Each structure stands twice: as C-alpha cells, then as structure tokens.
PDB file of N, CA and C in Angstrom:
ATOM      1  N   MET A   1       9.638  21.224  18.706  1.00  0.00           N
ATOM      2  CA  MET A   1       9.848  20.197  17.579  1.00  0.00           C
ATOM      3  C   MET A   1       9.245  18.308  18.096  1.00  0.00           C
ATOM      4  N   ASN A   2       8.730  18.519  16.392  1.00  0.00           N
ATOM      5  CA  ASN A   2       8.460  16.662  16.683  1.00  0.00           C
ATOM      6  C   ASN A   2      10.013  15.337  17.094  1.00  0.00           C
ATOM      7  N   PRO A   3       9.264  14.608  17.623  1.00  0.00           N
ATOM      8  CA  PRO A   3      10.856  13.715  17.814  1.00  0.00           C
ATOM      9  C   PRO A   3      10.610  12.832  16.206  1.00  0.00           C
ATOM     10  N   PRO A   4      12.253  12.370  15.634  1.00  0.00           N
ATOM     11  CA  PRO A   4      12.046  11.723  14.972  1.00  0.00           C
ATOM     12  C   PRO A   4      10.975  10.617  14.533  1.00  0.00           C
ATOM     13  N   GLU A   5      10.739   9.953  15.716  1.00  0.00           N
ATOM     14  CA  GLU A   5       9.288   8.673  15.360  1.00  0.00           C
ATOM     15  C   GLU A   5       8.661   9.336  14.403  1.00  0.00           C
ATOM     16  N   LEU A   6       7.566  10.663  15.071  1.00  0.00           N
ATOM     17  CA  LEU A   6       6.723  10.528  14.465  1.00  0.00           C
ATOM     18  C   LEU A   6       7.408  11.410  12.628  1.00  0.00           C
ATOM     19  N   PHE A   7       8.534  11.382  12.025  1.00  0.00           N
ATOM     20  CA  PHE A   7       8.973  11.303  10.897  1.00  0.00           C
ATOM     21  C   PHE A   7       8.443  10.144  10.344  1.00  0.00           C
ATOM     22  N   LEU A   8       9.384   9.290  10.287  1.00  0.00           N
ATOM     23  CA  LEU A   8       9.482   8.160  10.165  1.00  0.00           C
ATOM     24  C   LEU A   8       8.470   7.489   9.913  1.00  0.00           C
ATOM     25  N   ILE A   9       7.026   7.407  11.321  1.00  0.00           N
ATOM     26  CA  ILE A   9       5.938   6.821  11.055  1.00  0.00           C
ATOM     27  C   ILE A   9       4.487   7.648   9.761  1.00  0.00           C
ATOM     28  N   SER A  10       4.814   8.943   9.759  1.00  0.00           N
ATOM     29  CA  SER A  10       5.185  10.077   8.767  1.00  0.00           C
ATOM     30  C   SER A  10       5.682   9.106   7.608  1.00  0.00           C
ATOM     31  N   VAL A  11       6.368   9.457   6.840  1.00  0.00           N
ATOM     32  CA  VAL A  11       7.091   8.489   5.770  1.00  0.00           C
ATOM     33  C   VAL A  11       6.852   7.329   5.751  1.00  0.00           C
ATOM     34  N   ALA A  12       6.361   6.223   6.806  1.00  0.00           N
ATOM     35  CA  ALA A  12       5.848   4.890   6.468  1.00  0.00           C
ATOM     36  C   ALA A  12       4.233   4.502   5.732  1.00  0.00           C
ATOM     37  N   ARG A  13       3.880   5.977   6.485  1.00  0.00           N
ATOM     38  CA  ARG A  13       2.649   6.451   5.667  1.00  0.00           C
ATOM     39  C   ARG A  13       2.190   6.633   4.463  1.00  0.00           C
ATOM     40  N   VAL A  14       2.998   7.599   4.021  1.00  0.00           N
ATOM     41  CA  VAL A  14       2.835   8.358   2.299  1.00  0.00           C
ATOM     42  C   VAL A  14       3.367   6.632   2.179  1.00  0.00           C
ATOM     43  N   LEU A  15       4.007   6.494   2.539  1.00  0.00           N
ATOM     44  CA  LEU A  15       4.534   5.192   1.283  1.00  0.00           C
ATOM     45  C   LEU A  15       3.687   4.216   0.959  1.00  0.00           C
ATOM     46  N   VAL A  16       2.596   3.632   2.256  1.00  0.00           N
ATOM     47  CA  VAL A  16       1.599   2.777   2.752  1.00  0.00           C
ATOM     48  C   VAL A  16       0.484   3.682   1.556  1.00  0.00           C
ATOM     49  N   GLU A  17      -0.311   4.881   1.475  1.00  0.00           N
ATOM     50  CA  GLU A  17      -0.659   5.787   1.113  1.00  0.00           C
ATOM     51  C   GLU A  17      -0.502   5.300  -0.604  1.00  0.00           C
ATOM     52  N   VAL A  18       0.912   5.654  -0.767  1.00  0.00           N
ATOM     53  CA  VAL A  18       0.744   5.864  -2.504  1.00  0.00           C
ATOM     54  C   VAL A  18       0.836   4.532  -3.196  1.00  0.00           C
ATOM     55  N   ALA A  19       1.597   3.689  -2.506  1.00  0.00           N
ATOM     56  CA  ALA A  19       0.847   1.735  -2.630  1.00  0.00           C
ATOM     57  C   ALA A  19      -0.541   1.279  -2.545  1.00  0.00           C
ATOM     58  N   LEU A  20      -1.510   1.663  -2.053  1.00  0.00           N
ATOM     59  CA  LEU A  20      -3.090   2.116  -2.141  1.00  0.00           C
ATOM     60  C   LEU A  20      -3.394   2.441  -2.935  1.00  0.00           C
ATOM     61  N   PHE A  21      -3.488   3.931  -3.492  1.00  0.00           N
ATOM     62  CA  PHE A  21      -3.465   4.701  -4.382  1.00  0.00           C
ATOM     63  C   PHE A  21      -3.551   4.271  -5.542  1.00  0.00           C
ATOM     64  N   THR A  22      -2.238   3.471  -5.274  1.00  0.00           N
ATOM     65  CA  THR A  22      -1.361   3.247  -6.199  1.00  0.00           C
ATOM     66  C   THR A  22      -2.397   2.199  -6.956  1.00  0.00           C
ATOM     67  N   LEU A  23      -2.790   0.894  -6.733  1.00  0.00           N
ATOM     68  CA  LEU A  23      -3.660  -0.337  -6.807  1.00  0.00           C
ATOM     69  C   LEU A  23      -5.304  -0.114  -7.034  1.00  0.00           C
ATOM     70  N   VAL A  24      -5.587   0.975  -6.378  1.00  0.00           N
ATOM     71  CA  VAL A  24      -7.447   1.588  -6.534  1.00  0.00           C
ATOM     72  C   VAL A  24      -7.163   2.021  -8.766  1.00  0.00           C
ATOM     73  N   GLY A  25      -6.193   2.727  -8.397  1.00  0.00           N
ATOM     74  CA  GLY A  25      -5.522   2.985  -9.851  1.00  0.00           C
ATOM     75  C   GLY A  25      -5.651   2.540 -11.086  1.00  0.00           C
ATOM     76  N   GLN A  26      -4.633   1.291 -10.593  1.00  0.00           N
ATOM     77  CA  GLN A  26      -4.576   0.207 -11.142  1.00  0.00           C
ATOM     78  C   GLN A  26      -6.007  -1.080 -11.824  1.00  0.00           C
ATOM     79  N   ALA A  27      -6.719  -0.861 -10.590  1.00  0.00           N
ATOM     80  CA  ALA A  27      -7.742  -1.315 -10.817  1.00  0.00           C
ATOM     81  C   ALA A  27      -9.184  -0.546 -11.542  1.00  0.00           C
ATOM     82  N   VAL A  28      -8.744   0.223 -11.547  1.00  0.00           N
ATOM     83  CA  VAL A  28      -9.899   1.880 -12.041  1.00  0.00           C
ATOM     84  C   VAL A  28      -9.603   1.512 -13.909  1.00  0.00           C
ATOM     85  N   LEU A  29      -7.801   0.938 -13.967  1.00  0.00           N
ATOM     86  CA  LEU A  29      -7.566   1.435 -15.344  1.00  0.00           C
ATOM     87  C   LEU A  29      -8.124  -0.376 -15.862  1.00  0.00           C
ATOM     88  N   ALA A  30      -7.488  -1.617 -15.036  1.00  0.00           N
ATOM     89  CA  ALA A  30      -7.766  -2.263 -15.596  1.00  0.00           C
ATOM     90  C   ALA A  30      -9.163  -2.364 -15.841  1.00  0.00           C
ATOM     91  N   ILE A  31     -10.377  -2.283 -15.732  1.00  0.00           N
ATOM     92  CA  ILE A  31     -11.856  -2.064 -15.677  1.00  0.00           C
ATOM     93  C   ILE A  31     -11.907  -1.198 -16.916  1.00  0.00           C
ATOM     94  N   PHE A  32     -11.450  -0.620 -17.030  1.00  0.00           N
ATOM     95  CA  PHE A  32     -11.892   0.333 -18.785  1.00  0.00           C
ATOM     96  C   PHE A  32     -10.525   0.033 -19.536  1.00  0.00           C
ATOM     97  N   ALA A  33     -10.043  -0.595 -19.815  1.00  0.00           N
ATOM     98  CA  ALA A  33      -8.690  -1.336 -20.298  1.00  0.00           C
ATOM     99  C   ALA A  33      -9.296  -2.278 -20.848  1.00  0.00           C
ATOM    100  N   GLY A  34      -9.597  -3.363 -20.143  1.00  0.00           N
ATOM    101  CA  GLY A  34      -9.718  -4.332 -20.506  1.00  0.00           C
ATOM    102  C   GLY A  34      -8.417  -5.501 -20.749  1.00  0.00           C
ATOM    103  N   LYS A  35      -8.636  -6.556 -21.748  1.00  0.00           N
ATOM    104  CA  LYS A  35      -7.752  -7.363 -21.882  1.00  0.00           C
ATOM    105  C   LYS A  35      -6.792  -6.855 -22.147  1.00  0.00           C
ATOM    106  N   SER A  36      -7.070  -5.241 -23.509  1.00  0.00           N
ATOM    107  CA  SER A  36      -5.686  -4.329 -23.266  1.00  0.00           C
ATOM    108  C   SER A  36      -4.481  -3.597 -22.637  1.00  0.00           C
ATOM    109  N   ARG A  37      -5.250  -3.862 -20.925  1.00  0.00           N
ATOM    110  CA  ARG A  37      -4.482  -3.565 -20.281  1.00  0.00           C
ATOM    111  C   ARG A  37      -3.063  -3.341 -20.548  1.00  0.00           C
ATOM    112  N   GLU A  38      -2.402  -4.302 -20.062  1.00  0.00           N
ATOM    113  CA  GLU A  38      -0.846  -5.031 -19.747  1.00  0.00           C
ATOM    114  C   GLU A  38       0.533  -3.927 -21.439  1.00  0.00           C
ATOM    115  N   ARG A  39      -0.725  -2.935 -22.394  1.00  0.00           N
ATOM    116  CA  ARG A  39      -0.051  -2.458 -23.366  1.00  0.00           C
ATOM    117  C   ARG A  39      -0.305  -1.726 -23.315  1.00  0.00           C
ATOM    118  N   ASN A  40      -1.026  -0.536 -22.187  1.00  0.00           N
ATOM    119  CA  ASN A  40      -1.042   0.124 -21.601  1.00  0.00           C
ATOM    120  C   ASN A  40       0.312   1.043 -21.047  1.00  0.00           C
ATOM    121  N   VAL A  41       0.422   2.463 -21.248  1.00  0.00           N
ATOM    122  CA  VAL A  41       1.278   2.861 -20.155  1.00  0.00           C
ATOM    123  C   VAL A  41       1.709   3.128 -18.444  1.00  0.00           C
ATOM    124  N   VAL A  42       0.651   3.586 -18.948  1.00  0.00           N
ATOM    125  CA  VAL A  42      -0.090   4.194 -17.351  1.00  0.00           C
ATOM    126  C   VAL A  42      -0.480   3.107 -16.429  1.00  0.00           C
ATOM    127  N   TYR A  43      -1.239   1.652 -16.668  1.00  0.00           N
ATOM    128  CA  TYR A  43      -1.262   0.960 -16.914  1.00  0.00           C
ATOM    129  C   TYR A  43       0.828  -0.263 -16.097  1.00  0.00           C
ATOM    130  N   ARG A  44       1.163  -0.078 -16.934  1.00  0.00           N
ATOM    131  CA  ARG A  44       2.621  -0.514 -16.830  1.00  0.00           C
ATOM    132  C   ARG A  44       3.211   0.415 -15.364  1.00  0.00           C
ATOM    133  N   LEU A  45       2.595   1.583 -15.457  1.00  0.00           N
ATOM    134  CA  LEU A  45       3.676   2.775 -14.834  1.00  0.00           C
ATOM    135  C   LEU A  45       3.558   2.062 -13.419  1.00  0.00           C
ATOM    136  N   MET A  46       2.333   1.919 -13.658  1.00  0.00           N
ATOM    137  CA  MET A  46       1.375   1.030 -11.953  1.00  0.00           C
ATOM    138  C   MET A  46       1.707  -0.152 -11.127  1.00  0.00           C
ATOM    139  N   GLN A  47       2.220  -1.020 -12.322  1.00  0.00           N
ATOM    140  CA  GLN A  47       2.348  -2.014 -11.996  1.00  0.00           C
ATOM    141  C   GLN A  47       3.875  -1.741 -11.500  1.00  0.00           C
ATOM    142  N   THR A  48       4.475  -0.938 -12.315  1.00  0.00           N
ATOM    143  CA  THR A  48       5.907  -1.420 -11.353  1.00  0.00           C
ATOM    144  C   THR A  48       5.984  -0.009  -9.710  1.00  0.00           C
ATOM    145  N   ILE A  49       5.778   0.598  -9.793  1.00  0.00           N
ATOM    146  CA  ILE A  49       5.093   1.344  -8.901  1.00  0.00           C
ATOM    147  C   ILE A  49       4.443   0.036  -7.637  1.00  0.00           C
ATOM    148  N   THR A  50       3.644  -0.859  -7.736  1.00  0.00           N
ATOM    149  CA  THR A  50       3.197  -1.818  -6.757  1.00  0.00           C
ATOM    150  C   THR A  50       3.421  -3.153  -6.805  1.00  0.00           C
ATOM    151  N   GLY A  51       4.718  -3.471  -7.803  1.00  0.00           N
ATOM    152  CA  GLY A  51       5.575  -4.220  -7.771  1.00  0.00           C
ATOM    153  C   GLY A  51       5.427  -5.657  -7.098  1.00  0.00           C
ATOM    154  N   PRO A  52       6.506  -3.963  -6.020  1.00  0.00           N
ATOM    155  CA  PRO A  52       7.564  -4.562  -4.740  1.00  0.00           C
ATOM    156  C   PRO A  52       6.145  -5.208  -3.511  1.00  0.00           C
ATOM    157  N   ALA A  53       5.613  -4.469  -3.399  1.00  0.00           N
ATOM    158  CA  ALA A  53       4.452  -4.929  -2.279  1.00  0.00           C
ATOM    159  C   ALA A  53       4.154  -6.203  -3.006  1.00  0.00           C
ATOM    160  N   VAL A  54       3.331  -5.818  -3.973  1.00  0.00           N
ATOM    161  CA  VAL A  54       2.953  -7.437  -4.790  1.00  0.00           C
ATOM    162  C   VAL A  54       3.697  -8.654  -4.304  1.00  0.00           C
ATOM    163  N   LYS A  55       4.721  -8.841  -4.413  1.00  0.00           N
ATOM    164  CA  LYS A  55       6.338  -9.381  -4.995  1.00  0.00           C
ATOM    165  C   LYS A  55       5.996 -10.118  -3.138  1.00  0.00           C
ATOM    166  N   THR A  56       6.187  -8.990  -2.348  1.00  0.00           N
ATOM    167  CA  THR A  56       6.383  -9.278  -1.419  1.00  0.00           C
ATOM    168  C   THR A  56       5.419 -10.224  -0.482  1.00  0.00           C
ATOM    169  N   VAL A  57       4.454  -9.618  -1.363  1.00  0.00           N
ATOM    170  CA  VAL A  57       2.738 -10.830  -0.849  1.00  0.00           C
ATOM    171  C   VAL A  57       2.675 -11.732  -0.784  1.00  0.00           C
ATOM    172  N   ARG A  58       3.270 -11.717  -2.218  1.00  0.00           N
ATOM    173  CA  ARG A  58       3.056 -13.181  -3.252  1.00  0.00           C
ATOM    174  C   ARG A  58       4.165 -14.386  -2.528  1.00  0.00           C
ATOM    175  N   PHE A  59       4.965 -13.219  -1.952  1.00  0.00           N
ATOM    176  CA  PHE A  59       6.568 -14.802  -1.075  1.00  0.00           C
ATOM    177  C   PHE A  59       6.124 -15.089   0.002  1.00  0.00           C
ATOM    178  N   VAL A  60       4.967 -14.232   0.821  1.00  0.00           N
ATOM    179  CA  VAL A  60       4.721 -14.009   2.231  1.00  0.00           C
ATOM    180  C   VAL A  60       3.488 -15.367   2.139  1.00  0.00           C
ATOM    181  N   THR A  61       2.636 -14.559   1.039  1.00  0.00           N
ATOM    182  CA  THR A  61       0.984 -16.457   1.162  1.00  0.00           C
ATOM    183  C   THR A  61       1.314 -17.295   0.266  1.00  0.00           C
ATOM    184  N   PRO A  62       0.628 -18.245   1.255  1.00  0.00           N
ATOM    185  CA  PRO A  62       0.816 -19.251   0.774  1.00  0.00           C
ATOM    186  C   PRO A  62       0.273 -19.773  -0.970  1.00  0.00           C
ATOM    187  N   ARG A  63       0.374 -21.100  -1.173  1.00  0.00           N
ATOM    188  CA  ARG A  63       0.815 -21.104  -2.715  1.00  0.00           C
ATOM    189  C   ARG A  63      -1.146 -21.490  -2.974  1.00  0.00           C
ATOM    190  N   PHE A  64      -2.088 -21.725  -2.271  1.00  0.00           N
ATOM    191  CA  PHE A  64      -2.933 -21.773  -2.541  1.00  0.00           C
ATOM    192  C   PHE A  64      -3.926 -20.882  -2.337  1.00  0.00           C
ATOM    193  N   ILE A  65      -3.039 -19.346  -2.299  1.00  0.00           N
ATOM    194  CA  ILE A  65      -3.627 -18.543  -3.127  1.00  0.00           C
ATOM    195  C   ILE A  65      -3.531 -17.699  -4.460  1.00  0.00           C
ATOM    196  N   ILE A  66      -4.491 -17.513  -4.925  1.00  0.00           N
ATOM    197  CA  ILE A  66      -4.360 -17.733  -6.579  1.00  0.00           C
ATOM    198  C   ILE A  66      -3.287 -16.672  -6.663  1.00  0.00           C
ATOM    199  N   ASP A  67      -2.443 -16.379  -7.845  1.00  0.00           N
ATOM    200  CA  ASP A  67      -1.659 -15.796  -7.992  1.00  0.00           C
ATOM    201  C   ASP A  67      -3.315 -13.905  -8.276  1.00  0.00           C
ATOM    202  N   ALA A  68      -4.570 -14.158  -9.215  1.00  0.00           N
ATOM    203  CA  ALA A  68      -4.858 -13.776  -9.731  1.00  0.00           C
ATOM    204  C   ALA A  68      -5.546 -12.393  -7.857  1.00  0.00           C
ATOM    205  N   HIS A  69      -5.427 -12.662  -7.154  1.00  0.00           N
ATOM    206  CA  HIS A  69      -6.409 -12.535  -5.943  1.00  0.00           C
ATOM    207  C   HIS A  69      -4.593 -11.782  -4.872  1.00  0.00           C
ATOM    208  N   ILE A  70      -4.143 -11.853  -5.609  1.00  0.00           N
ATOM    209  CA  ILE A  70      -2.906 -11.716  -4.196  1.00  0.00           C
ATOM    210  C   ILE A  70      -2.919  -9.309  -4.435  1.00  0.00           C
ATOM    211  N   PRO A  71      -3.594  -9.160  -6.005  1.00  0.00           N
ATOM    212  CA  PRO A  71      -3.141  -7.473  -5.457  1.00  0.00           C
ATOM    213  C   PRO A  71      -4.467  -7.313  -4.808  1.00  0.00           C
ATOM    214  N   PHE A  72      -5.662  -8.225  -4.073  1.00  0.00           N
ATOM    215  CA  PHE A  72      -6.747  -7.967  -2.952  1.00  0.00           C
ATOM    216  C   PHE A  72      -6.207  -8.156  -2.147  1.00  0.00           C
ATOM    217  N   VAL A  73      -5.201  -9.305  -2.322  1.00  0.00           N
ATOM    218  CA  VAL A  73      -4.637  -9.712  -0.268  1.00  0.00           C
ATOM    219  C   VAL A  73      -3.740  -8.400  -0.293  1.00  0.00           C
ATOM    220  N   THR A  74      -2.746  -8.165  -1.059  1.00  0.00           N
ATOM    221  CA  THR A  74      -1.921  -6.912  -1.247  1.00  0.00           C
ATOM    222  C   THR A  74      -2.608  -5.076  -0.846  1.00  0.00           C
ATOM    223  N   PHE A  75      -3.423  -5.814  -0.946  1.00  0.00           N
ATOM    224  CA  PHE A  75      -5.009  -3.776  -0.984  1.00  0.00           C
ATOM    225  C   PHE A  75      -5.063  -3.827   1.181  1.00  0.00           C
ATOM    226  N   PHE A  76      -5.907  -5.198   0.516  1.00  0.00           N
ATOM    227  CA  PHE A  76      -6.115  -5.359   2.757  1.00  0.00           C
ATOM    228  C   PHE A  76      -5.130  -6.246   3.632  1.00  0.00           C
ATOM    229  N   LEU A  77      -4.327  -5.883   3.445  1.00  0.00           N
ATOM    230  CA  LEU A  77      -2.851  -6.327   3.636  1.00  0.00           C
ATOM    231  C   LEU A  77      -2.153  -4.617   4.508  1.00  0.00           C
ATOM    232  N   LEU A  78      -2.210  -4.242   3.069  1.00  0.00           N
ATOM    233  CA  LEU A  78      -2.086  -2.701   2.472  1.00  0.00           C
ATOM    234  C   LEU A  78      -2.764  -2.118   4.040  1.00  0.00           C
ATOM    235  N   PHE A  79      -3.855  -1.564   4.196  1.00  0.00           N
ATOM    236  CA  PHE A  79      -5.033  -1.076   4.734  1.00  0.00           C
ATOM    237  C   PHE A  79      -5.035  -1.322   6.603  1.00  0.00           C
ATOM    238  N   TRP A  80      -5.200  -2.569   5.694  1.00  0.00           N
ATOM    239  CA  TRP A  80      -3.794  -2.998   7.938  1.00  0.00           C
ATOM    240  C   TRP A  80      -2.933  -1.265   8.413  1.00  0.00           C
ATOM    241  N   ILE A  81      -2.093  -2.601   7.707  1.00  0.00           N
ATOM    242  CA  ILE A  81      -0.968  -1.924   7.992  1.00  0.00           C
ATOM    243  C   ILE A  81      -0.999   0.089   7.632  1.00  0.00           C
ATOM    244  N   TRP A  82      -1.733   0.481   7.617  1.00  0.00           N
ATOM    245  CA  TRP A  82      -2.272   2.028   7.058  1.00  0.00           C
ATOM    246  C   TRP A  82      -2.391   2.421   8.972  1.00  0.00           C
ATOM    247  N   ILE A  83      -3.548   1.016   8.963  1.00  0.00           N
ATOM    248  CA  ILE A  83      -4.616   1.603  10.508  1.00  0.00           C
ATOM    249  C   ILE A  83      -3.245   1.863  11.544  1.00  0.00           C
ATOM    250  N   ALA A  84      -2.731   0.577  11.257  1.00  0.00           N
ATOM    251  CA  ALA A  84      -1.903  -0.093  12.496  1.00  0.00           C
ATOM    252  C   ALA A  84      -0.577   1.734  12.761  1.00  0.00           C
ATOM    253  N   LEU A  85      -0.507   1.574  11.348  1.00  0.00           N
ATOM    254  CA  LEU A  85       0.829   3.049  11.769  1.00  0.00           C
ATOM    255  C   LEU A  85      -0.062   4.534  12.258  1.00  0.00           C
ATOM    256  N   ALA A  86      -1.418   4.700  12.142  1.00  0.00           N
ATOM    257  CA  ALA A  86      -2.499   5.523  12.234  1.00  0.00           C
ATOM    258  C   ALA A  86      -2.239   5.433  13.882  1.00  0.00           C
ATOM    259  N   ALA A  87      -2.243   4.247  14.478  1.00  0.00           N
ATOM    260  CA  ALA A  87      -2.161   3.888  15.906  1.00  0.00           C
ATOM    261  C   ALA A  87      -1.091   4.374  16.596  1.00  0.00           C
ATOM    262  N   PHE A  88      -0.359   3.193  15.921  1.00  0.00           N
ATOM    263  CA  PHE A  88       1.251   3.696  16.312  1.00  0.00           C
ATOM    264  C   PHE A  88       1.402   5.042  16.648  1.00  0.00           C
ATOM    265  N   LYS A  89       1.192   6.167  15.363  1.00  0.00           N
ATOM    266  CA  LYS A  89       1.558   7.619  15.778  1.00  0.00           C
ATOM    267  C   LYS A  89       0.455   7.996  16.898  1.00  0.00           C
ATOM    268  N   ARG A  90      -0.530   7.365  16.477  1.00  0.00           N
ATOM    269  CA  ARG A  90      -1.611   8.344  17.652  1.00  0.00           C
ATOM    270  C   ARG A  90      -0.882   7.583  19.450  1.00  0.00           C
ATOM    271  N   TYR A  91      -0.442   6.514  19.468  1.00  0.00           N
ATOM    272  CA  TYR A  91      -0.104   6.091  20.701  1.00  0.00           C
ATOM    273  C   TYR A  91       1.431   6.708  21.022  1.00  0.00           C
ATOM    274  N   VAL A  92       2.388   7.234  19.314  1.00  0.00           N
ATOM    275  CA  VAL A  92       3.421   8.024  19.853  1.00  0.00           C
ATOM    276  C   VAL A  92       3.014   9.524  20.232  1.00  0.00           C
ATOM    277  N   CYS A  93       2.015  10.565  19.836  1.00  0.00           N
ATOM    278  CA  CYS A  93       1.973  11.239  20.510  1.00  0.00           C
ATOM    279  C   CYS A  93       1.103  11.802  21.760  1.00  0.00           C
ATOM    280  N   VAL A  94       0.376  11.194  22.392  1.00  0.00           N
ATOM    281  CA  VAL A  94      -0.071  10.832  23.554  1.00  0.00           C
ATOM    282  C   VAL A  94       0.744  10.039  24.571  1.00  0.00           C
ATOM    283  N   THR A  95       1.864   9.635  24.719  1.00  0.00           N
ATOM    284  CA  THR A  95       2.561   9.986  25.029  1.00  0.00           C
ATOM    285  C   THR A  95       4.055  10.061  25.724  1.00  0.00           C
ATOM    286  N   GLN A  96       3.545  11.511  24.409  1.00  0.00           N
ATOM    287  CA  GLN A  96       4.823  12.349  24.983  1.00  0.00           C
ATOM    288  C   GLN A  96       4.515  13.610  24.920  1.00  0.00           C
ATOM    289  N   GLY A  97       2.898  13.077  25.206  1.00  0.00           N
ATOM    290  CA  GLY A  97       2.310  14.773  24.882  1.00  0.00           C
ATOM    291  C   GLY A  97       2.250  16.020  23.592  1.00  0.00           C
ATOM    292  N   LEU A  98       1.580  15.268  22.183  1.00  0.00           N
ATOM    293  CA  LEU A  98       1.664  15.946  21.324  1.00  0.00           C
ATOM    294  C   LEU A  98       0.506  16.474  21.389  1.00  0.00           C
ATOM    295  N   VAL A  99      -0.104  17.071  20.247  1.00  0.00           N
ATOM    296  CA  VAL A  99      -0.555  17.888  19.608  1.00  0.00           C
ATOM    297  C   VAL A  99      -0.127  17.856  18.121  1.00  0.00           C
ATOM    298  N   CYS A 100      -1.214  16.326  17.512  1.00  0.00           N
ATOM    299  CA  CYS A 100      -0.834  15.729  16.380  1.00  0.00           C
ATOM    300  C   CYS A 100      -2.708  15.672  15.961  1.00  0.00           C
TER     301      CYS A 100
END
C-alpha cells in the first residue's frame, strides 16, 4: 500500500501539469488567433484555468516585471515546482523502500 504522501505529491504534480499544459496551449492559441484571441471561447477557458497561477505569480513578483512577461514567469516557476515535486517523490520512494 502506498503512503498518503505519494498520493498528495501525485495530486500536486497533476495540478501543476494541467496548469503547464494549459499555459502552453494558451500560447499556441494566441499565436494562431492573433489579436482576436480575447474573443475566442477556448482561449478564455484556458485563461480561467491558468488565472489563479498567473495572479499568484503577479502578486509574488516585483512590480518592475511587466504584465506581458508574467505568463512566462508563471510557466518557468511551475516547471521548477514540477521538477521539485518529482525529486520529492523520488526521495519519499527511496526512503520508504518503494518501487515508484
């Protein structure tokens, strides 16, 4: 039986992955849709999904970082959180003698 830490780490990784893939999809859609992307329903749905992460990063980052760069900062921050969660999951598996 797996310990509850692995479940919580896996859930956190899935949430980060969803936000990462949605940010990538939003960027691709922005490239194809151009200036009319704000009227696109799928783009707005992706903004709704990534909104909490982007707003959190905007709150944490200093004001000299312009708003246009916040999605890039969010992507890289989420990427490093995803890597850290993978390392933590590996650590939990090794310390408890599990095959993960």
